Amino acid sequence: METAILLVQYFCVLLAALVLGNWYLSECKRLKAAGAPWYAAYLTTPGILIICILLLLPFLSLVL
């Protein structure tokens, strides 16, 4: 039973990463078509979320 719960948790994290990545990619394509600078994608909501997650990873590895 614990294995099933763990697999569901892994699946949820993978699904969230796929949704966030797809959202970020669509924002990149939209901004590139509009002629925005290369860094404009990092200033969108999915870009900020990805940056925050990347900055939190080292702290989470220390705590867990």
Protein backbone atom coordinates (compact mmCIF):
# COMPACT_ATOMS: atom_id res chain seq x y z
CA MET A 1 0.00 0.00 0.00
CA GLU A 2 2.86 2.37 0.79
CA THR A 3 4.35 1.70 -2.63
CA ALA A 4 1.10 2.66 -4.34
CA ILE A 5 0.92 5.94 -2.41
CA LEU A 6 4.53 6.68 -3.30
CA LEU A 7 3.86 5.99 -6.99
CA VAL A 8 0.84 8.31 -6.96
CA GLN A 9 2.97 11.04 -5.40
CA TYR A 10 5.65 10.57 -8.06
CA PHE A 11 3.01 10.69 -10.78
CA CYS A 12 1.57 13.93 -9.39
CA VAL A 13 4.99 15.60 -9.35
CA LEU A 14 5.71 14.42 -12.89
CA LEU A 15 2.34 15.67 -14.11
CA ALA A 16 2.88 19.07 -12.47
CA ALA A 17 6.32 19.33 -14.08
CA LEU A 18 4.88 18.48 -17.49
CA VAL A 19 2.11 21.07 -17.17
CA LEU A 20 4.53 23.77 -16.00
CA GLY A 21 7.02 22.94 -18.74
CA ASN A 22 4.35 23.02 -21.43
CA TRP A 23 3.06 26.36 -20.11
CA TYR A 24 6.59 27.80 -20.13
CA LEU A 25 7.25 26.53 -23.66
CA SER A 26 4.04 28.08 -24.97
CA GLU A 27 5.00 31.41 -23.38
CA CYS A 28 8.46 31.19 -24.99
CA LYS A 29 6.96 30.56 -28.41
CA ARG A 30 4.46 33.40 -28.00
CA LEU A 31 7.15 35.85 -26.90
CA LYS A 32 9.56 34.80 -29.64
CA ALA A 33 6.87 35.35 -32.27
CA ALA A 34 6.20 38.79 -30.79
CA GLY A 35 9.90 39.68 -31.05
CA ALA A 36 10.48 40.04 -27.32
CA PRO A 37 14.03 39.81 -25.91
CA TRP A 38 15.40 36.38 -24.93
CA TYR A 39 14.99 37.01 -21.20
CA ALA A 40 11.31 37.95 -21.40
CA ALA A 41 10.23 34.34 -20.91
CA TYR A 42 11.86 34.32 -17.46
CA LEU A 43 9.68 37.24 -16.39
CA THR A 44 6.41 35.40 -17.02
CA THR A 45 4.51 33.44 -14.36
CA PRO A 46 5.81 29.99 -15.37
CA GLY A 47 9.34 31.37 -15.68
CA ILE A 48 9.24 32.83 -12.17
CA LEU A 49 7.80 29.57 -10.81
CA ILE A 50 10.60 27.57 -12.41
CA ILE A 51 13.26 29.92 -11.03
CA CYS A 52 11.75 29.71 -7.54
CA ILE A 53 11.65 25.92 -7.70
CA LEU A 54 15.27 25.77 -8.84
CA LEU A 55 16.33 28.06 -6.01
CA LEU A 56 14.41 26.01 -3.45
CA LEU A 57 15.97 22.67 -4.43
CA PRO A 58 19.28 23.14 -2.57
CA PHE A 59 17.45 24.21 0.59
CA LEU A 60 15.07 21.27 0.39
CA SER A 61 17.97 18.85 -0.01
CA LEU A 62 19.52 20.24 3.18
CA VAL A 63 16.30 19.95 5.16
CA LEU A 64 15.25 16.51 3.91
